[in-house]
Amino acid sequence: GFVPGLFGTSHGALQFMAYEDLKERYNKYRNRVSDTKLNTVEYIMMAAVSKIFAVAATYPYQVVRARLQDQHNTYSGVFDVILRTWR
C-alpha cells in the first residue's frame, strides 16, 4: 500500500488547484478582479466544490491502498488489485 499511498499527496494539490481555478473563473464571471476576496457563502461553495472534485479524482486510489493493506487477501501487485476489484 505504500506506492498508492504516495498518490494521496495529490489530493490536497488537486483541491487547491480546483479552488483557485473556480475562484478565478467566478470572479471573471462576476466582472471582478481575479484576486477579489470571496464572501462567506462564496468561499464555502468554492471550497465544497473543489473538495468534491479532489475526492472524486483520488478516491479510487484509496480503495486500492486499503485492499493492498488488507492482511486477509493476497495480491500480486497494484494491477492485480485493480483487476480483481473491477471484476
PDB file of N, CA and C in Angstrom:
ATOM      1  N   GLY A   1       0.776  -1.201   0.000  1.00  0.00           N
ATOM      2  CA  GLY A   1       0.000   0.000   0.000  1.00  0.00           C
ATOM      3  C   GLY A   1       0.824   1.275   0.000  1.00  0.00           C
ATOM      4  N   PHE A   2       2.152   1.151   0.027  1.00  0.00           N
ATOM      5  CA  PHE A   2       2.997   2.341   0.095  1.00  0.00           C
ATOM      6  C   PHE A   2       2.936   3.177  -1.189  1.00  0.00           C
ATOM      7  N   VAL A   3       3.069   2.510  -2.337  1.00  0.00           N
ATOM      8  CA  VAL A   3       3.081   3.235  -3.614  1.00  0.00           C
ATOM      9  C   VAL A   3       1.756   3.959  -3.848  1.00  0.00           C
ATOM     10  N   PRO A   4       0.600   3.290  -3.697  1.00  0.00           N
ATOM     11  CA  PRO A   4      -0.656   4.038  -3.842  1.00  0.00           C
ATOM     12  C   PRO A   4      -0.809   5.132  -2.787  1.00  0.00           C
ATOM     13  N   GLY A   5      -0.228   4.905  -1.607  1.00  0.00           N
ATOM     14  CA  GLY A   5      -0.286   5.925  -0.564  1.00  0.00           C
ATOM     15  C   GLY A   5       0.411   7.213  -0.962  1.00  0.00           C
ATOM     16  N   LEU A   6       1.415   7.107  -1.812  1.00  0.00           N
ATOM     17  CA  LEU A   6       2.119   8.295  -2.297  1.00  0.00           C
ATOM     18  C   LEU A   6       1.201   9.178  -3.140  1.00  0.00           C
ATOM     19  N   PHE A   7       0.228   8.560  -3.807  1.00  0.00           N
ATOM     20  CA  PHE A   7      -0.705   9.338  -4.619  1.00  0.00           C
ATOM     21  C   PHE A   7      -1.648  10.162  -3.751  1.00  0.00           C
ATOM     22  N   GLY A   8      -1.736   9.840  -2.473  1.00  0.00           N
ATOM     23  CA  GLY A   8      -2.589  10.590  -1.564  1.00  0.00           C
ATOM     24  C   GLY A   8      -2.172  12.035  -1.408  1.00  0.00           C
ATOM     25  N   THR A   9      -0.913  12.299  -1.653  1.00  0.00           N
ATOM     26  CA  THR A   9      -0.446  13.676  -1.546  1.00  0.00           C
ATOM     27  C   THR A   9      -1.029  14.560  -2.642  1.00  0.00           C
ATOM     28  N   SER A  10      -1.513  13.931  -3.707  1.00  0.00           N
ATOM     29  CA  SER A  10      -2.089  14.709  -4.809  1.00  0.00           C
ATOM     30  C   SER A  10      -3.462  15.264  -4.452  1.00  0.00           C
ATOM     31  N   HIS A  11      -4.117  14.710  -3.433  1.00  0.00           N
ATOM     32  CA  HIS A  11      -5.458  15.161  -3.052  1.00  0.00           C
ATOM     33  C   HIS A  11      -5.474  16.649  -2.714  1.00  0.00           C
ATOM     34  N   GLY A  12      -4.607  17.072  -1.845  1.00  0.00           N
ATOM     35  CA  GLY A  12      -4.544  18.479  -1.457  1.00  0.00           C
ATOM     36  C   GLY A  12      -4.164  19.382  -2.616  1.00  0.00           C
ATOM     37  N   ALA A  13      -3.247  18.910  -3.451  1.00  0.00           N
ATOM     38  CA  ALA A  13      -2.833  19.709  -4.606  1.00  0.00           C
ATOM     39  C   ALA A  13      -3.988  19.888  -5.581  1.00  0.00           C
ATOM     40  N   LEU A  14      -4.749  18.825  -5.828  1.00  0.00           N
ATOM     41  CA  LEU A  14      -5.900  18.927  -6.726  1.00  0.00           C
ATOM     42  C   LEU A  14      -6.967  19.849  -6.161  1.00  0.00           C
ATOM     43  N   GLN A  15      -7.205  19.741  -4.859  1.00  0.00           N
ATOM     44  CA  GLN A  15      -8.214  20.603  -4.242  1.00  0.00           C
ATOM     45  C   GLN A  15      -7.804  22.070  -4.335  1.00  0.00           C
ATOM     46  N   PHE A  16      -6.568  22.368  -4.046  1.00  0.00           N
ATOM     47  CA  PHE A  16      -6.092  23.747  -4.108  1.00  0.00           C
ATOM     48  C   PHE A  16      -6.166  24.285  -5.530  1.00  0.00           C
ATOM     49  N   MET A  17      -5.743  23.456  -6.504  1.00  0.00           N
ATOM     50  CA  MET A  17      -5.783  23.864  -7.903  1.00  0.00           C
ATOM     51  C   MET A  17      -7.223  24.152  -8.333  1.00  0.00           C
ATOM     52  N   ALA A  18      -8.147  23.256  -7.971  1.00  0.00           N
ATOM     53  CA  ALA A  18      -9.550  23.438  -8.344  1.00  0.00           C
ATOM     54  C   ALA A  18     -10.133  24.682  -7.679  1.00  0.00           C
ATOM     55  N   TYR A  19      -9.815  24.897  -6.417  1.00  0.00           N
ATOM     56  CA  TYR A  19     -10.318  26.063  -5.702  1.00  0.00           C
ATOM     57  C   TYR A  19      -9.868  27.360  -6.371  1.00  0.00           C
ATOM     58  N   GLU A  20      -8.583  27.446  -6.668  1.00  0.00           N
ATOM     59  CA  GLU A  20      -8.046  28.655  -7.291  1.00  0.00           C
ATOM     60  C   GLU A  20      -8.650  28.887  -8.669  1.00  0.00           C
ATOM     61  N   ASP A  21      -8.818  27.808  -9.446  1.00  0.00           N
ATOM     62  CA  ASP A  21      -9.406  27.937 -10.770  1.00  0.00           C
ATOM     63  C   ASP A  21     -10.877  28.363 -10.679  1.00  0.00           C
ATOM     64  N   LEU A  22     -11.621  27.751  -9.773  1.00  0.00           N
ATOM     65  CA  LEU A  22     -13.025  28.127  -9.588  1.00  0.00           C
ATOM     66  C   LEU A  22     -13.149  29.586  -9.163  1.00  0.00           C
ATOM     67  N   LYS A  23     -12.313  29.995  -8.233  1.00  0.00           N
ATOM     68  CA  LYS A  23     -12.356  31.372  -7.746  1.00  0.00           C
ATOM     69  C   LYS A  23     -12.053  32.358  -8.872  1.00  0.00           C
ATOM     70  N   GLU A  24     -11.049  32.050  -9.662  1.00  0.00           N
ATOM     71  CA  GLU A  24     -10.682  32.932 -10.767  1.00  0.00           C
ATOM     72  C   GLU A  24     -11.805  33.016 -11.805  1.00  0.00           C
ATOM     73  N   ARG A  25     -12.369  31.862 -12.160  1.00  0.00           N
ATOM     74  CA  ARG A  25     -13.465  31.853 -13.139  1.00  0.00           C
ATOM     75  C   ARG A  25     -14.703  32.574 -12.599  1.00  0.00           C
ATOM     76  N   TYR A  26     -14.989  32.373 -11.332  1.00  0.00           N
ATOM     77  CA  TYR A  26     -16.150  33.020 -10.726  1.00  0.00           C
ATOM     78  C   TYR A  26     -15.981  34.542 -10.703  1.00  0.00           C
ATOM     79  N   ASN A  27     -14.820  34.993 -10.305  1.00  0.00           N
ATOM     80  CA  ASN A  27     -14.565  36.431 -10.281  1.00  0.00           C
ATOM     81  C   ASN A  27     -14.599  37.019 -11.695  1.00  0.00           C
ATOM     82  N   LYS A  28     -14.115  36.271 -12.671  1.00  0.00           N
ATOM     83  CA  LYS A  28     -14.185  36.736 -14.054  1.00  0.00           C
ATOM     84  C   LYS A  28     -15.648  36.820 -14.501  1.00  0.00           C
ATOM     85  N   TYR A  29     -16.444  35.817 -14.149  1.00  0.00           N
ATOM     86  CA  TYR A  29     -17.867  35.804 -14.478  1.00  0.00           C
ATOM     87  C   TYR A  29     -18.586  37.001 -13.859  1.00  0.00           C
ATOM     88  N   ARG A  30     -18.200  37.358 -12.643  1.00  0.00           N
ATOM     89  CA  ARG A  30     -18.812  38.491 -11.932  1.00  0.00           C
ATOM     90  C   ARG A  30     -18.169  39.830 -12.292  1.00  0.00           C
ATOM     91  N   ASN A  31     -17.253  39.823 -13.282  1.00  0.00           N
ATOM     92  CA  ASN A  31     -16.530  41.027 -13.728  1.00  0.00           C
ATOM     93  C   ASN A  31     -15.786  41.706 -12.578  1.00  0.00           C
ATOM     94  N   ARG A  32     -15.080  40.881 -11.797  1.00  0.00           N
ATOM     95  CA  ARG A  32     -14.281  41.398 -10.693  1.00  0.00           C
ATOM     96  C   ARG A  32     -12.820  41.058 -10.941  1.00  0.00           C
ATOM     97  N   VAL A  33     -11.941  41.724 -10.237  1.00  0.00           N
ATOM     98  CA  VAL A  33     -10.511  41.412 -10.300  1.00  0.00           C
ATOM     99  C   VAL A  33     -10.323  39.981  -9.808  1.00  0.00           C
ATOM    100  N   SER A  34      -9.398  39.231 -10.417  1.00  0.00           N
ATOM    101  CA  SER A  34      -9.269  37.806 -10.123  1.00  0.00           C
ATOM    102  C   SER A  34      -8.901  37.507  -8.673  1.00  0.00           C
ATOM    103  N   ASP A  35      -8.259  38.425  -7.976  1.00  0.00           N
ATOM    104  CA  ASP A  35      -7.883  38.167  -6.581  1.00  0.00           C
ATOM    105  C   ASP A  35      -8.842  38.805  -5.573  1.00  0.00           C
ATOM    106  N   THR A  36     -10.048  39.161  -6.028  1.00  0.00           N
ATOM    107  CA  THR A  36     -11.052  39.710  -5.118  1.00  0.00           C
ATOM    108  C   THR A  36     -11.429  38.664  -4.080  1.00  0.00           C
ATOM    109  N   LYS A  37     -11.521  39.075  -2.837  1.00  0.00           N
ATOM    110  CA  LYS A  37     -11.889  38.143  -1.771  1.00  0.00           C
ATOM    111  C   LYS A  37     -13.355  37.751  -1.900  1.00  0.00           C
ATOM    112  N   LEU A  38     -13.631  36.486  -1.609  1.00  0.00           N
ATOM    113  CA  LEU A  38     -14.989  35.967  -1.672  1.00  0.00           C
ATOM    114  C   LEU A  38     -15.717  36.248  -0.365  1.00  0.00           C
ATOM    115  N   ASN A  39     -17.046  36.341  -0.437  1.00  0.00           N
ATOM    116  CA  ASN A  39     -17.801  36.443   0.816  1.00  0.00           C
ATOM    117  C   ASN A  39     -17.933  35.034   1.396  1.00  0.00           C
ATOM    118  N   THR A  40     -18.535  34.921   2.549  1.00  0.00           N
ATOM    119  CA  THR A  40     -18.581  33.641   3.260  1.00  0.00           C
ATOM    120  C   THR A  40     -19.278  32.546   2.462  1.00  0.00           C
ATOM    121  N   VAL A  41     -20.411  32.845   1.882  1.00  0.00           N
ATOM    122  CA  VAL A  41     -21.151  31.838   1.116  1.00  0.00           C
ATOM    123  C   VAL A  41     -20.371  31.418  -0.120  1.00  0.00           C
ATOM    124  N   GLU A  42     -19.777  32.381  -0.802  1.00  0.00           N
ATOM    125  CA  GLU A  42     -18.966  32.061  -1.983  1.00  0.00           C
ATOM    126  C   GLU A  42     -17.773  31.195  -1.600  1.00  0.00           C
ATOM    127  N   TYR A  43     -17.144  31.538  -0.493  1.00  0.00           N
ATOM    128  CA  TYR A  43     -15.994  30.769  -0.024  1.00  0.00           C
ATOM    129  C   TYR A  43     -16.386  29.324   0.269  1.00  0.00           C
ATOM    130  N   ILE A  44     -17.494  29.144   0.966  1.00  0.00           N
ATOM    131  CA  ILE A  44     -17.948  27.791   1.307  1.00  0.00           C
ATOM    132  C   ILE A  44     -18.280  26.999   0.049  1.00  0.00           C
ATOM    133  N   MET A  45     -18.939  27.634  -0.906  1.00  0.00           N
ATOM    134  CA  MET A  45     -19.294  26.938  -2.144  1.00  0.00           C
ATOM    135  C   MET A  45     -18.050  26.534  -2.941  1.00  0.00           C
ATOM    136  N   MET A  46     -17.099  27.428  -3.075  1.00  0.00           N
ATOM    137  CA  MET A  46     -15.870  27.113  -3.813  1.00  0.00           C
ATOM    138  C   MET A  46     -15.085  26.001  -3.109  1.00  0.00           C
ATOM    139  N   ALA A  47     -15.027  26.062  -1.790  1.00  0.00           N
ATOM    140  CA  ALA A  47     -14.315  25.033  -1.031  1.00  0.00           C
ATOM    141  C   ALA A  47     -15.005  23.681  -1.171  1.00  0.00           C
ATOM    142  N   ALA A  48     -16.342  23.667  -1.115  1.00  0.00           N
ATOM    143  CA  ALA A  48     -17.088  22.412  -1.218  1.00  0.00           C
ATOM    144  C   ALA A  48     -16.936  21.787  -2.602  1.00  0.00           C
ATOM    145  N   VAL A  49     -17.061  22.587  -3.633  1.00  0.00           N
ATOM    146  CA  VAL A  49     -16.947  22.060  -4.996  1.00  0.00           C
ATOM    147  C   VAL A  49     -15.529  21.552  -5.267  1.00  0.00           C
ATOM    148  N   SER A  50     -14.535  22.283  -4.810  1.00  0.00           N
ATOM    149  CA  SER A  50     -13.161  21.838  -5.035  1.00  0.00           C
ATOM    150  C   SER A  50     -12.855  20.568  -4.239  1.00  0.00           C
ATOM    151  N   LYS A  51     -13.441  20.437  -3.054  1.00  0.00           N
ATOM    152  CA  LYS A  51     -13.249  19.212  -2.265  1.00  0.00           C
ATOM    153  C   LYS A  51     -13.907  18.023  -2.950  1.00  0.00           C
ATOM    154  N   ILE A  52     -15.114  18.219  -3.468  1.00  0.00           N
ATOM    155  CA  ILE A  52     -15.808  17.140  -4.184  1.00  0.00           C
ATOM    156  C   ILE A  52     -14.979  16.695  -5.388  1.00  0.00           C
ATOM    157  N   PHE A  53     -14.421  17.642  -6.116  1.00  0.00           N
ATOM    158  CA  PHE A  53     -13.573  17.311  -7.260  1.00  0.00           C
ATOM    159  C   PHE A  53     -12.362  16.485  -6.823  1.00  0.00           C
ATOM    160  N   ALA A  54     -11.689  16.921  -5.776  1.00  0.00           N
ATOM    161  CA  ALA A  54     -10.489  16.222  -5.316  1.00  0.00           C
ATOM    162  C   ALA A  54     -10.820  14.820  -4.814  1.00  0.00           C
ATOM    163  N   VAL A  55     -11.922  14.683  -4.097  1.00  0.00           N
ATOM    164  CA  VAL A  55     -12.324  13.358  -3.597  1.00  0.00           C
ATOM    165  C   VAL A  55     -12.659  12.434  -4.756  1.00  0.00           C
ATOM    166  N   ALA A  56     -13.418  12.930  -5.730  1.00  0.00           N
ATOM    167  CA  ALA A  56     -13.795  12.098  -6.879  1.00  0.00           C
ATOM    168  C   ALA A  56     -12.571  11.661  -7.678  1.00  0.00           C
ATOM    169  N   ALA A  57     -11.582  12.519  -7.745  1.00  0.00           N
ATOM    170  CA  ALA A  57     -10.379  12.200  -8.513  1.00  0.00           C
ATOM    171  C   ALA A  57      -9.446  11.240  -7.783  1.00  0.00           C
ATOM    172  N   THR A  58      -9.423  11.285  -6.452  1.00  0.00           N
ATOM    173  CA  THR A  58      -8.441  10.481  -5.709  1.00  0.00           C
ATOM    174  C   THR A  58      -9.036   9.306  -4.941  1.00  0.00           C
ATOM    175  N   TYR A  59     -10.351   9.178  -4.874  1.00  0.00           N
ATOM    176  CA  TYR A  59     -10.943   8.080  -4.101  1.00  0.00           C
ATOM    177  C   TYR A  59     -10.533   6.698  -4.613  1.00  0.00           C
ATOM    178  N   PRO A  60     -10.485   6.458  -5.917  1.00  0.00           N
ATOM    179  CA  PRO A  60     -10.110   5.102  -6.370  1.00  0.00           C
ATOM    180  C   PRO A  60      -8.769   4.623  -5.827  1.00  0.00           C
ATOM    181  N   TYR A  61      -7.804   5.515  -5.684  1.00  0.00           N
ATOM    182  CA  TYR A  61      -6.514   5.064  -5.156  1.00  0.00           C
ATOM    183  C   TYR A  61      -6.650   4.624  -3.702  1.00  0.00           C
ATOM    184  N   GLN A  62      -7.571   5.220  -2.952  1.00  0.00           N
ATOM    185  CA  GLN A  62      -7.763   4.842  -1.555  1.00  0.00           C
ATOM    186  C   GLN A  62      -8.302   3.414  -1.443  1.00  0.00           C
ATOM    187  N   VAL A  63      -9.150   3.032  -2.371  1.00  0.00           N
ATOM    188  CA  VAL A  63      -9.664   1.661  -2.389  1.00  0.00           C
ATOM    189  C   VAL A  63      -8.517   0.693  -2.652  1.00  0.00           C
ATOM    190  N   VAL A  64      -7.691   1.006  -3.646  1.00  0.00           N
ATOM    191  CA  VAL A  64      -6.544   0.149  -3.965  1.00  0.00           C
ATOM    192  C   VAL A  64      -5.603   0.059  -2.776  1.00  0.00           C
ATOM    193  N   ARG A  65      -5.290   1.170  -2.146  1.00  0.00           N
ATOM    194  CA  ARG A  65      -4.382   1.173  -0.993  1.00  0.00           C
ATOM    195  C   ARG A  65      -4.934   0.334   0.154  1.00  0.00           C
ATOM    196  N   ALA A  66      -6.214   0.508   0.448  1.00  0.00           N
ATOM    197  CA  ALA A  66      -6.821  -0.249   1.546  1.00  0.00           C
ATOM    198  C   ALA A  66      -6.805  -1.744   1.263  1.00  0.00           C
ATOM    199  N   ARG A  67      -7.070  -2.123   0.035  1.00  0.00           N
ATOM    200  CA  ARG A  67      -7.048  -3.554  -0.302  1.00  0.00           C
ATOM    201  C   ARG A  67      -5.645  -4.130  -0.245  1.00  0.00           C
ATOM    202  N   LEU A  68      -4.653  -3.350  -0.636  1.00  0.00           N
ATOM    203  CA  LEU A  68      -3.278  -3.825  -0.530  1.00  0.00           C
ATOM    204  C   LEU A  68      -2.854  -3.993   0.922  1.00  0.00           C
ATOM    205  N   GLN A  69      -3.399  -3.179   1.801  1.00  0.00           N
ATOM    206  CA  GLN A  69      -3.041  -3.258   3.212  1.00  0.00           C
ATOM    207  C   GLN A  69      -3.835  -4.323   3.958  1.00  0.00           C
ATOM    208  N   ASP A  70      -4.871  -4.869   3.330  1.00  0.00           N
ATOM    209  CA  ASP A  70      -5.700  -5.900   3.957  1.00  0.00           C
ATOM    210  C   ASP A  70      -4.879  -7.175   4.127  1.00  0.00           C
ATOM    211  N   GLN A  71      -4.791  -7.657   5.344  1.00  0.00           N
ATOM    212  CA  GLN A  71      -3.982  -8.837   5.645  1.00  0.00           C
ATOM    213  C   GLN A  71      -4.680 -10.149   5.279  1.00  0.00           C
ATOM    214  N   HIS A  72      -5.977 -10.115   4.970  1.00  0.00           N
ATOM    215  CA  HIS A  72      -6.739 -11.338   4.698  1.00  0.00           C
ATOM    216  C   HIS A  72      -6.699 -11.751   3.230  1.00  0.00           C
ATOM    217  N   ASN A  73      -6.243 -10.896   2.362  1.00  0.00           N
ATOM    218  CA  ASN A  73      -6.149 -11.201   0.938  1.00  0.00           C
ATOM    219  C   ASN A  73      -4.715 -11.035   0.472  1.00  0.00           C
ATOM    220  N   THR A  74      -4.350 -11.815  -0.526  1.00  0.00           N
ATOM    221  CA  THR A  74      -3.015 -11.725  -1.090  1.00  0.00           C
ATOM    222  C   THR A  74      -3.131 -11.276  -2.540  1.00  0.00           C
ATOM    223  N   TYR A  75      -2.421 -10.223  -2.865  1.00  0.00           N
ATOM    224  CA  TYR A  75      -2.414  -9.690  -4.223  1.00  0.00           C
ATOM    225  C   TYR A  75      -0.988  -9.692  -4.738  1.00  0.00           C
ATOM    226  N   SER A  76      -0.852  -9.804  -6.065  1.00  0.00           N
ATOM    227  CA  SER A  76       0.492  -9.792  -6.647  1.00  0.00           C
ATOM    228  C   SER A  76       0.972  -8.380  -6.977  1.00  0.00           C
ATOM    229  N   GLY A  77       0.129  -7.394  -6.788  1.00  0.00           N
ATOM    230  CA  GLY A  77       0.530  -6.020  -7.038  1.00  0.00           C
ATOM    231  C   GLY A  77      -0.671  -5.123  -7.261  1.00  0.00           C
ATOM    232  N   VAL A  78      -0.379  -3.901  -7.622  1.00  0.00           N
ATOM    233  CA  VAL A  78      -1.419  -2.889  -7.797  1.00  0.00           C
ATOM    234  C   VAL A  78      -2.369  -3.273  -8.920  1.00  0.00           C
ATOM    235  N   PHE A  79      -1.837  -3.747 -10.046  1.00  0.00           N
ATOM    236  CA  PHE A  79      -2.707  -4.096 -11.167  1.00  0.00           C
ATOM    237  C   PHE A  79      -3.603  -5.279 -10.841  1.00  0.00           C
ATOM    238  N   ASP A  80      -3.110  -6.217 -10.031  1.00  0.00           N
ATOM    239  CA  ASP A  80      -3.940  -7.339  -9.596  1.00  0.00           C
ATOM    240  C   ASP A  80      -5.113  -6.833  -8.755  1.00  0.00           C
ATOM    241  N   VAL A  81      -4.847  -5.898  -7.871  1.00  0.00           N
ATOM    242  CA  VAL A  81      -5.926  -5.310  -7.048  1.00  0.00           C
ATOM    243  C   VAL A  81      -6.956  -4.638  -7.937  1.00  0.00           C
ATOM    244  N   ILE A  82      -6.493  -3.858  -8.890  1.00  0.00           N
ATOM    245  CA  ILE A  82      -7.412  -3.137  -9.780  1.00  0.00           C
ATOM    246  C   ILE A  82      -8.271  -4.115 -10.575  1.00  0.00           C
ATOM    247  N   LEU A  83      -7.646  -5.134 -11.159  1.00  0.00           N
ATOM    248  CA  LEU A  83      -8.400  -6.099 -11.943  1.00  0.00           C
ATOM    249  C   LEU A  83      -9.405  -6.875 -11.103  1.00  0.00           C
ATOM    250  N   ARG A  84      -8.990  -7.311  -9.927  1.00  0.00           N
ATOM    251  CA  ARG A  84      -9.904  -8.084  -9.063  1.00  0.00           C
ATOM    252  C   ARG A  84     -11.020  -7.215  -8.505  1.00  0.00           C
ATOM    253  N   THR A  85     -10.727  -5.964  -8.234  1.00  0.00           N
ATOM    254  CA  THR A  85     -11.767  -5.043  -7.751  1.00  0.00           C
ATOM    255  C   THR A  85     -12.752  -4.752  -8.878  1.00  0.00           C
ATOM    256  N   TRP A  86     -12.261  -4.554 -10.072  1.00  0.00           N
ATOM    257  CA  TRP A  86     -13.134  -4.273 -11.209  1.00  0.00           C
ATOM    258  C   TRP A  86     -14.097  -5.424 -11.451  1.00  0.00           C
ATOM    259  N   ARG A  87     -13.575  -6.654 -11.330  1.00  0.00           N
ATOM    260  CA  ARG A  87     -14.431  -7.844 -11.522  1.00  0.00           C
ATOM    261  C   ARG A  87     -15.444  -7.907 -10.406  1.00  0.00           C
TER     262      ARG A  87
END
